Amino acid sequence: MGATSIINIAMCSLSFVWSLLVMALTGNFIASGGSSAMINYDLFCSVFGMLCLFFLLPASIKEAWAMHPIIPLVLNILNTIFWFVGGVATAAYLNVHSCSNSDYYNSNNVAGGSEKKCREAQASTAFLWFGFASFLASTVITGLNTRGGANTRAGGIRRGPAMSQV
């Protein structure tokens, strides 16, 4: 097991932690009554990330479990995009003010009219950004590994005989 494999396992493990935290926060937010589409999207990101990680973590441990080298790369790219969009959109909808300000959380759809929900939404946004960073690192490592040795081309280029065969 090489250094890139160990780093990729660490990034997948970190991504799992961030997925779990975002899932817990957004799930609690939804369970406490009412939620905006933004919170639902954040929950989607965490569930999709967690489901992908059930495949990506074993594939990081043993490359043969990946079935094809492009599958982990595609899943990592999708997760990176979803988590980036979730982080940007949630931060934009929150408008990041103090959750102690009742005028702010009462007028904000995402904050849900309560200080507790406001803090949960802000924490969820922070964890979305941490998750994005870990998925991005995993994507880069997977991309370098995919490019490095696996044959990801469909057909390949036919070459002529080597000079020793002429």
N, C-alpha and C. Protein backbone atom coordinates (compact mmCIF):
# COMPACT_ATOMS: atom_id res chain seq x y z
N MET A 1 0.86 -1.18 0.00
CA MET A 1 0.00 0.00 0.00
C MET A 1 0.90 1.24 0.00
N GLY A 2 0.73 2.07 -1.03
CA GLY A 2 1.58 3.24 -1.18
C GLY A 2 1.10 4.43 -0.37
N ALA A 3 1.89 5.48 -0.42
CA ALA A 3 1.56 6.70 0.33
C ALA A 3 0.28 7.34 -0.18
N THR A 4 0.08 7.32 -1.51
CA THR A 4 -1.15 7.93 -2.05
C THR A 4 -2.38 7.15 -1.61
N SER A 5 -2.23 5.85 -1.50
CA SER A 5 -3.35 5.01 -1.05
C SER A 5 -3.70 5.33 0.41
N ILE A 6 -2.70 5.51 1.24
CA ILE A 6 -2.94 5.84 2.65
C ILE A 6 -3.59 7.22 2.77
N ILE A 7 -3.11 8.18 1.98
CA ILE A 7 -3.71 9.52 2.00
C ILE A 7 -5.15 9.46 1.51
N ASN A 8 -5.40 8.67 0.47
CA ASN A 8 -6.76 8.55 -0.05
C ASN A 8 -7.69 7.91 0.97
N ILE A 9 -7.21 6.92 1.69
CA ILE A 9 -8.02 6.29 2.75
C ILE A 9 -8.32 7.32 3.84
N ALA A 10 -7.33 8.13 4.20
CA ALA A 10 -7.54 9.18 5.21
C ALA A 10 -8.57 10.20 4.73
N MET A 11 -8.49 10.59 3.46
CA MET A 11 -9.45 11.56 2.92
C MET A 11 -10.86 10.98 2.87
N CYS A 12 -10.97 9.70 2.49
CA CYS A 12 -12.28 9.05 2.49
C CYS A 12 -12.84 8.95 3.91
N SER A 13 -11.98 8.66 4.87
CA SER A 13 -12.42 8.59 6.26
C SER A 13 -12.88 9.95 6.76
N LEU A 14 -12.13 10.99 6.43
CA LEU A 14 -12.55 12.35 6.79
C LEU A 14 -13.87 12.72 6.12
N SER A 15 -14.01 12.37 4.86
CA SER A 15 -15.26 12.64 4.14
C SER A 15 -16.42 11.94 4.81
N PHE A 16 -16.18 10.73 5.31
CA PHE A 16 -17.23 9.99 6.01
C PHE A 16 -17.65 10.73 7.28
N VAL A 17 -16.67 11.25 8.01
CA VAL A 17 -16.98 12.01 9.24
C VAL A 17 -17.80 13.25 8.90
N TRP A 18 -17.39 14.01 7.87
CA TRP A 18 -18.13 15.22 7.49
C TRP A 18 -19.53 14.85 7.00
N SER A 19 -19.66 13.75 6.26
CA SER A 19 -20.98 13.31 5.80
C SER A 19 -21.88 12.97 6.98
N LEU A 20 -21.31 12.29 7.95
CA LEU A 20 -22.07 11.92 9.14
C LEU A 20 -22.52 13.16 9.92
N LEU A 21 -21.63 14.13 10.07
CA LEU A 21 -21.98 15.35 10.80
C LEU A 21 -23.04 16.17 10.07
N VAL A 22 -22.89 16.32 8.76
CA VAL A 22 -23.90 17.07 7.99
C VAL A 22 -25.24 16.33 8.04
N MET A 23 -25.20 15.01 7.94
CA MET A 23 -26.43 14.23 8.00
C MET A 23 -27.12 14.38 9.36
N ALA A 24 -26.34 14.35 10.43
CA ALA A 24 -26.92 14.50 11.77
C ALA A 24 -27.52 15.89 11.96
N LEU A 25 -26.80 16.92 11.55
CA LEU A 25 -27.30 18.29 11.72
C LEU A 25 -28.53 18.56 10.87
N THR A 26 -28.48 18.18 9.60
CA THR A 26 -29.63 18.46 8.73
C THR A 26 -30.81 17.57 9.09
N GLY A 27 -30.53 16.34 9.49
CA GLY A 27 -31.62 15.46 9.93
C GLY A 27 -32.31 16.00 11.16
N ASN A 28 -31.55 16.52 12.11
CA ASN A 28 -32.13 17.13 13.30
C ASN A 28 -32.90 18.39 12.94
N PHE A 29 -32.37 19.15 12.01
CA PHE A 29 -33.03 20.38 11.55
C PHE A 29 -34.40 20.03 10.95
N ILE A 30 -34.45 19.02 10.11
CA ILE A 30 -35.70 18.61 9.46
C ILE A 30 -36.66 18.01 10.48
N ALA A 31 -36.13 17.20 11.41
CA ALA A 31 -36.98 16.55 12.41
C ALA A 31 -37.62 17.54 13.38
N SER A 32 -36.98 18.68 13.60
CA SER A 32 -37.53 19.65 14.54
C SER A 32 -38.59 20.54 13.90
N GLY A 33 -39.01 20.20 12.70
CA GLY A 33 -40.15 20.88 12.09
C GLY A 33 -39.78 21.84 10.99
N GLY A 34 -40.20 21.52 9.79
CA GLY A 34 -40.02 22.42 8.66
C GLY A 34 -38.59 22.58 8.24
N SER A 35 -38.41 22.66 6.95
CA SER A 35 -37.07 22.91 6.43
C SER A 35 -37.19 23.49 5.04
N SER A 36 -36.16 24.20 4.65
CA SER A 36 -36.15 24.77 3.31
C SER A 36 -35.56 23.76 2.33
N ALA A 37 -35.69 24.06 1.06
CA ALA A 37 -35.12 23.19 0.03
C ALA A 37 -33.60 23.11 0.18
N MET A 38 -33.00 24.17 0.68
CA MET A 38 -31.55 24.19 0.84
C MET A 38 -31.10 23.14 1.86
N ILE A 39 -31.81 23.03 2.96
CA ILE A 39 -31.47 22.03 3.98
C ILE A 39 -31.70 20.63 3.41
N ASN A 40 -32.76 20.45 2.64
CA ASN A 40 -33.01 19.15 2.00
C ASN A 40 -31.88 18.79 1.04
N TYR A 41 -31.36 19.77 0.31
CA TYR A 41 -30.24 19.52 -0.59
C TYR A 41 -28.98 19.14 0.20
N ASP A 42 -28.77 19.80 1.32
CA ASP A 42 -27.61 19.46 2.16
C ASP A 42 -27.72 18.01 2.65
N LEU A 43 -28.94 17.60 3.01
CA LEU A 43 -29.15 16.22 3.43
C LEU A 43 -28.88 15.26 2.26
N PHE A 44 -29.33 15.64 1.07
CA PHE A 44 -29.04 14.83 -0.12
C PHE A 44 -27.54 14.67 -0.32
N CYS A 45 -26.80 15.77 -0.19
CA CYS A 45 -25.34 15.72 -0.36
C CYS A 45 -24.71 14.73 0.62
N SER A 46 -25.15 14.79 1.87
CA SER A 46 -24.55 13.91 2.87
C SER A 46 -24.92 12.45 2.62
N VAL A 47 -26.17 12.19 2.23
CA VAL A 47 -26.58 10.80 1.96
C VAL A 47 -25.86 10.26 0.72
N PHE A 48 -25.81 11.06 -0.34
CA PHE A 48 -25.11 10.64 -1.56
C PHE A 48 -23.63 10.39 -1.26
N GLY A 49 -23.03 11.30 -0.50
CA GLY A 49 -21.62 11.14 -0.13
C GLY A 49 -21.38 9.87 0.67
N MET A 50 -22.27 9.61 1.63
CA MET A 50 -22.12 8.43 2.47
C MET A 50 -22.28 7.15 1.63
N LEU A 51 -23.27 7.12 0.75
CA LEU A 51 -23.46 5.94 -0.09
C LEU A 51 -22.25 5.71 -1.00
N CYS A 52 -21.72 6.78 -1.57
CA CYS A 52 -20.53 6.65 -2.42
C CYS A 52 -19.33 6.18 -1.61
N LEU A 53 -19.22 6.65 -0.38
CA LEU A 53 -18.08 6.27 0.46
C LEU A 53 -18.12 4.80 0.85
N PHE A 54 -19.31 4.19 0.88
CA PHE A 54 -19.38 2.75 1.12
C PHE A 54 -18.73 1.97 -0.02
N PHE A 55 -18.62 2.59 -1.19
CA PHE A 55 -17.89 1.99 -2.31
C PHE A 55 -16.45 2.49 -2.37
N LEU A 56 -16.27 3.80 -2.14
CA LEU A 56 -14.95 4.41 -2.33
C LEU A 56 -13.92 3.97 -1.29
N LEU A 57 -14.35 3.80 -0.05
CA LEU A 57 -13.39 3.42 0.99
C LEU A 57 -12.79 2.03 0.73
N PRO A 58 -13.61 1.01 0.47
CA PRO A 58 -12.99 -0.28 0.12
C PRO A 58 -12.17 -0.22 -1.18
N ALA A 59 -12.63 0.59 -2.15
CA ALA A 59 -11.88 0.72 -3.41
C ALA A 59 -10.54 1.41 -3.18
N SER A 60 -10.44 2.25 -2.15
CA SER A 60 -9.17 2.89 -1.82
C SER A 60 -8.22 1.90 -1.15
N ILE A 61 -8.78 0.96 -0.44
CA ILE A 61 -7.96 -0.04 0.25
C ILE A 61 -7.38 -1.04 -0.74
N LYS A 62 -8.24 -1.54 -1.63
CA LYS A 62 -7.80 -2.52 -2.63
C LYS A 62 -8.35 -2.11 -3.99
N GLU A 63 -7.46 -1.79 -4.92
CA GLU A 63 -7.87 -1.27 -6.22
C GLU A 63 -8.73 -2.25 -7.02
N ALA A 64 -8.59 -3.53 -6.79
CA ALA A 64 -9.37 -4.53 -7.52
C ALA A 64 -10.86 -4.41 -7.19
N TRP A 65 -11.19 -3.89 -6.02
CA TRP A 65 -12.60 -3.74 -5.63
C TRP A 65 -13.28 -2.58 -6.35
N ALA A 66 -12.51 -1.77 -7.06
CA ALA A 66 -13.08 -0.63 -7.78
C ALA A 66 -13.76 -1.05 -9.07
N MET A 67 -13.58 -2.28 -9.51
CA MET A 67 -14.12 -2.83 -10.75
C MET A 67 -13.50 -2.19 -11.99
N HIS A 68 -13.54 -0.88 -12.08
CA HIS A 68 -12.92 -0.14 -13.19
C HIS A 68 -12.34 1.13 -12.59
N PRO A 69 -11.16 1.55 -13.00
CA PRO A 69 -10.51 2.70 -12.36
C PRO A 69 -11.25 4.03 -12.53
N ILE A 70 -12.15 4.11 -13.49
CA ILE A 70 -12.84 5.38 -13.72
C ILE A 70 -14.01 5.58 -12.74
N ILE A 71 -14.54 4.50 -12.18
CA ILE A 71 -15.71 4.61 -11.29
C ILE A 71 -15.40 5.44 -10.04
N PRO A 72 -14.31 5.18 -9.30
CA PRO A 72 -14.01 6.03 -8.15
C PRO A 72 -13.78 7.49 -8.54
N LEU A 73 -13.17 7.72 -9.69
CA LEU A 73 -12.93 9.09 -10.14
C LEU A 73 -14.25 9.82 -10.40
N VAL A 74 -15.17 9.17 -11.09
CA VAL A 74 -16.47 9.79 -11.38
C VAL A 74 -17.24 10.06 -10.09
N LEU A 75 -17.25 9.11 -9.17
CA LEU A 75 -17.97 9.32 -7.90
C LEU A 75 -17.35 10.46 -7.10
N ASN A 76 -16.03 10.53 -7.08
CA ASN A 76 -15.36 11.63 -6.37
C ASN A 76 -15.66 12.98 -7.02
N ILE A 77 -15.67 13.03 -8.35
CA ILE A 77 -15.99 14.28 -9.04
C ILE A 77 -17.42 14.72 -8.73
N LEU A 78 -18.36 13.78 -8.78
CA LEU A 78 -19.76 14.11 -8.46
C LEU A 78 -19.89 14.63 -7.03
N ASN A 79 -19.25 13.96 -6.09
CA ASN A 79 -19.31 14.41 -4.69
C ASN A 79 -18.69 15.78 -4.52
N THR A 80 -17.56 16.01 -5.18
CA THR A 80 -16.91 17.32 -5.08
C THR A 80 -17.83 18.41 -5.59
N ILE A 81 -18.48 18.18 -6.72
CA ILE A 81 -19.40 19.18 -7.28
C ILE A 81 -20.59 19.39 -6.36
N PHE A 82 -21.23 18.30 -5.92
CA PHE A 82 -22.41 18.42 -5.06
C PHE A 82 -22.09 19.16 -3.77
N TRP A 83 -20.97 18.83 -3.15
CA TRP A 83 -20.63 19.45 -1.87
C TRP A 83 -20.23 20.91 -2.06
N PHE A 84 -19.58 21.23 -3.16
CA PHE A 84 -19.25 22.63 -3.45
C PHE A 84 -20.53 23.44 -3.64
N VAL A 85 -21.45 22.93 -4.43
CA VAL A 85 -22.72 23.63 -4.66
C VAL A 85 -23.48 23.78 -3.35
N GLY A 86 -23.51 22.73 -2.53
CA GLY A 86 -24.19 22.82 -1.24
C GLY A 86 -23.58 23.86 -0.33
N GLY A 87 -22.27 23.90 -0.26
CA GLY A 87 -21.59 24.89 0.58
C GLY A 87 -21.83 26.31 0.12
N VAL A 88 -21.73 26.55 -1.19
CA VAL A 88 -21.95 27.90 -1.73
C VAL A 88 -23.40 28.32 -1.55
N ALA A 89 -24.33 27.46 -1.93
CA ALA A 89 -25.74 27.83 -1.88
C ALA A 89 -26.23 28.04 -0.45
N THR A 90 -25.84 27.18 0.46
CA THR A 90 -26.29 27.34 1.84
C THR A 90 -25.70 28.60 2.45
N ALA A 91 -24.44 28.87 2.19
CA ALA A 91 -23.84 30.11 2.70
C ALA A 91 -24.52 31.33 2.10
N ALA A 92 -24.86 31.27 0.82
CA ALA A 92 -25.53 32.40 0.17
C ALA A 92 -26.93 32.63 0.74
N TYR A 93 -27.66 31.55 0.98
CA TYR A 93 -29.01 31.69 1.53
C TYR A 93 -28.99 32.12 2.99
N LEU A 94 -27.97 31.72 3.72
CA LEU A 94 -27.89 32.10 5.14
C LEU A 94 -27.52 33.57 5.33
N ASN A 95 -26.79 34.14 4.40
CA ASN A 95 -26.31 35.52 4.49
C ASN A 95 -25.43 35.76 5.71
N VAL A 96 -25.01 34.75 6.37
CA VAL A 96 -24.10 34.72 7.51
C VAL A 96 -24.12 35.98 8.38
N HIS A 97 -25.03 35.96 9.32
CA HIS A 97 -25.10 36.97 10.36
C HIS A 97 -25.02 36.26 11.70
N SER A 98 -25.14 37.02 12.77
CA SER A 98 -25.10 36.44 14.10
C SER A 98 -26.43 35.75 14.41
N CYS A 99 -26.35 34.54 14.90
CA CYS A 99 -27.57 33.81 15.26
C CYS A 99 -28.18 34.34 16.56
N SER A 100 -27.48 35.24 17.24
CA SER A 100 -28.05 35.87 18.43
C SER A 100 -29.03 36.98 18.05
N ASN A 101 -29.00 37.42 16.80
CA ASN A 101 -29.86 38.49 16.32
C ASN A 101 -31.21 37.90 15.90
N SER A 102 -32.25 38.15 16.69
CA SER A 102 -33.56 37.56 16.41
C SER A 102 -34.17 38.09 15.12
N ASP A 103 -33.88 39.33 14.75
CA ASP A 103 -34.38 39.85 13.48
C ASP A 103 -33.82 39.06 12.30
N TYR A 104 -32.57 38.64 12.42
CA TYR A 104 -31.93 37.88 11.34
C TYR A 104 -32.57 36.51 11.19
N TYR A 105 -32.62 35.72 12.26
CA TYR A 105 -33.10 34.35 12.09
C TYR A 105 -34.61 34.27 11.90
N ASN A 106 -35.35 35.32 12.29
CA ASN A 106 -36.79 35.31 12.02
C ASN A 106 -37.09 35.65 10.56
N SER A 107 -36.21 36.40 9.92
CA SER A 107 -36.45 36.80 8.53
C SER A 107 -35.79 35.88 7.51
N ASN A 108 -35.00 34.92 7.95
CA ASN A 108 -34.26 34.05 7.04
C ASN A 108 -34.98 32.71 6.91
N ASN A 109 -35.23 32.26 5.65
CA ASN A 109 -35.92 30.97 5.45
C ASN A 109 -35.09 29.81 5.93
N VAL A 110 -33.80 29.83 5.68
CA VAL A 110 -32.96 28.68 6.03
C VAL A 110 -32.82 28.57 7.54
N ALA A 111 -32.70 29.71 8.22
CA ALA A 111 -32.51 29.69 9.68
C ALA A 111 -33.73 29.17 10.40
N GLY A 112 -34.88 29.20 9.77
CA GLY A 112 -36.07 28.57 10.33
C GLY A 112 -36.70 29.26 11.52
N GLY A 113 -36.35 30.49 11.80
CA GLY A 113 -37.00 31.23 12.88
C GLY A 113 -36.57 30.86 14.28
N SER A 114 -35.46 30.17 14.42
CA SER A 114 -34.99 29.83 15.76
C SER A 114 -33.47 29.91 15.81
N GLU A 115 -32.97 30.31 16.97
CA GLU A 115 -31.52 30.44 17.14
C GLU A 115 -30.83 29.09 16.99
N LYS A 116 -31.46 28.03 17.52
CA LYS A 116 -30.88 26.69 17.44
C LYS A 116 -30.76 26.25 15.98
N LYS A 117 -31.82 26.43 15.20
CA LYS A 117 -31.77 26.04 13.79
C LYS A 117 -30.75 26.88 13.02
N CYS A 118 -30.65 28.15 13.38
CA CYS A 118 -29.67 29.03 12.74
C CYS A 118 -28.26 28.49 12.97
N ARG A 119 -27.96 28.11 14.19
CA ARG A 119 -26.63 27.59 14.51
C ARG A 119 -26.38 26.24 13.82
N GLU A 120 -27.41 25.41 13.76
CA GLU A 120 -27.27 24.13 13.06
C GLU A 120 -26.99 24.34 11.58
N ALA A 121 -27.69 25.31 10.97
CA ALA A 121 -27.48 25.59 9.55
C ALA A 121 -26.07 26.13 9.30
N GLN A 122 -25.59 26.99 10.18
CA GLN A 122 -24.23 27.51 10.02
C GLN A 122 -23.18 26.42 10.22
N ALA A 123 -23.39 25.54 11.19
CA ALA A 123 -22.46 24.44 11.41
C ALA A 123 -22.48 23.48 10.22
N SER A 124 -23.66 23.21 9.71
CA SER A 124 -23.79 22.35 8.54
C SER A 124 -23.04 22.92 7.34
N THR A 125 -23.12 24.24 7.17
CA THR A 125 -22.40 24.90 6.08
C THR A 125 -20.89 24.73 6.24
N ALA A 126 -20.40 24.91 7.44
CA ALA A 126 -18.96 24.74 7.69
C ALA A 126 -18.53 23.30 7.39
N PHE A 127 -19.32 22.33 7.82
CA PHE A 127 -18.97 20.93 7.57
C PHE A 127 -19.08 20.58 6.09
N LEU A 128 -20.00 21.24 5.37
CA LEU A 128 -20.07 21.04 3.92
C LEU A 128 -18.76 21.48 3.26
N TRP A 129 -18.20 22.60 3.73
CA TRP A 129 -16.94 23.08 3.16
C TRP A 129 -15.78 22.14 3.51
N PHE A 130 -15.77 21.62 4.74
CA PHE A 130 -14.72 20.66 5.11
C PHE A 130 -14.85 19.40 4.26
N GLY A 131 -16.09 18.95 4.07
CA GLY A 131 -16.33 17.78 3.22
C GLY A 131 -15.91 18.02 1.79
N PHE A 132 -16.20 19.21 1.29
CA PHE A 132 -15.77 19.57 -0.07
C PHE A 132 -14.25 19.46 -0.19
N ALA A 133 -13.54 19.99 0.80
CA ALA A 133 -12.07 19.95 0.75
C ALA A 133 -11.56 18.51 0.76
N SER A 134 -12.15 17.65 1.58
CA SER A 134 -11.67 16.27 1.63
C SER A 134 -12.05 15.50 0.36
N PHE A 135 -13.25 15.77 -0.20
CA PHE A 135 -13.61 15.12 -1.47
C PHE A 135 -12.72 15.63 -2.61
N LEU A 136 -12.38 16.92 -2.58
CA LEU A 136 -11.50 17.47 -3.61
C LEU A 136 -10.12 16.82 -3.56
N ALA A 137 -9.57 16.68 -2.36
CA ALA A 137 -8.27 16.02 -2.20
C ALA A 137 -8.34 14.57 -2.69
N SER A 138 -9.42 13.88 -2.33
CA SER A 138 -9.59 12.50 -2.78
C SER A 138 -9.74 12.42 -4.30
N THR A 139 -10.42 13.41 -4.88
CA THR A 139 -10.57 13.45 -6.34
C THR A 139 -9.22 13.62 -7.03
N VAL A 140 -8.41 14.52 -6.51
CA VAL A 140 -7.09 14.77 -7.10
C VAL A 140 -6.23 13.51 -7.00
N ILE A 141 -6.22 12.88 -5.85
CA ILE A 141 -5.41 11.67 -5.66
C ILE A 141 -5.91 10.54 -6.57
N THR A 142 -7.23 10.37 -6.62
CA THR A 142 -7.79 9.33 -7.48
C THR A 142 -7.49 9.62 -8.95
N GLY A 143 -7.58 10.88 -9.34
CA GLY A 143 -7.27 11.26 -10.72
C GLY A 143 -5.82 10.99 -11.07
N LEU A 144 -4.92 11.30 -10.17
CA LEU A 144 -3.50 11.02 -10.41
C LEU A 144 -3.24 9.53 -10.49
N ASN A 145 -3.89 8.75 -9.63
CA ASN A 145 -3.73 7.30 -9.67
C ASN A 145 -4.32 6.71 -10.94
N THR A 146 -5.45 7.24 -11.38
CA THR A 146 -6.09 6.75 -12.59
C THR A 146 -5.22 7.05 -13.81
N ARG A 147 -4.69 8.24 -13.84
CA ARG A 147 -3.84 8.65 -14.96
C ARG A 147 -2.52 7.91 -14.95
N GLY A 148 -2.08 7.53 -13.76
CA GLY A 148 -0.74 6.99 -13.60
C GLY A 148 -0.48 5.62 -14.14
N GLY A 149 -1.43 4.71 -14.11
CA GLY A 149 -1.06 3.38 -14.54
C GLY A 149 -2.18 2.58 -15.16
N ALA A 150 -3.39 2.93 -14.91
CA ALA A 150 -4.50 2.14 -15.42
C ALA A 150 -4.79 2.51 -16.87
N ASN A 151 -5.23 1.53 -17.64
CA ASN A 151 -5.61 1.79 -19.02
C ASN A 151 -7.07 2.22 -19.03
N THR A 152 -7.32 3.53 -19.11
CA THR A 152 -8.69 4.04 -19.08
C THR A 152 -9.21 4.37 -20.47
N ARG A 153 -8.40 4.14 -21.49
CA ARG A 153 -8.85 4.40 -22.86
C ARG A 153 -9.69 3.23 -23.34
N ALA A 154 -10.68 3.54 -24.15
CA ALA A 154 -11.56 2.50 -24.67
C ALA A 154 -10.85 1.64 -25.71
N GLY A 155 -10.27 2.26 -26.71
CA GLY A 155 -9.68 1.48 -27.78
C GLY A 155 -8.17 1.46 -27.75
N GLY A 156 -7.59 2.59 -27.57
CA GLY A 156 -6.14 2.68 -27.58
C GLY A 156 -5.63 2.97 -28.99
N ILE A 157 -4.40 3.35 -29.08
CA ILE A 157 -3.79 3.70 -30.36
C ILE A 157 -2.97 2.50 -30.84
N ARG A 158 -3.17 2.12 -32.07
CA ARG A 158 -2.40 1.01 -32.62
C ARG A 158 -1.06 1.56 -33.09
N ARG A 159 -0.03 0.94 -32.63
CA ARG A 159 1.31 1.38 -33.00
C ARG A 159 1.95 0.34 -33.90
N GLY A 160 2.92 0.79 -34.64
CA GLY A 160 3.66 -0.11 -35.51
C GLY A 160 4.62 -0.97 -34.72
N PRO A 161 5.36 -1.81 -35.40
CA PRO A 161 6.31 -2.68 -34.70
C PRO A 161 7.45 -1.87 -34.10
N ALA A 162 8.02 -2.40 -33.05
CA ALA A 162 9.17 -1.75 -32.43
C ALA A 162 10.37 -1.90 -33.36
N MET A 163 11.37 -1.07 -33.17
CA MET A 163 12.55 -1.09 -34.04
C MET A 163 13.25 -2.45 -34.01
N SER A 164 13.20 -3.15 -32.91
CA SER A 164 13.87 -4.44 -32.82
C SER A 164 13.15 -5.50 -33.65
N GLN A 165 11.91 -5.25 -34.03
CA GLN A 165 11.15 -6.22 -34.81
C GLN A 165 11.25 -5.97 -36.31
N VAL A 166 11.86 -4.87 -36.71
CA VAL A 166 11.93 -4.53 -38.13
C VAL A 166 13.06 -5.26 -38.80
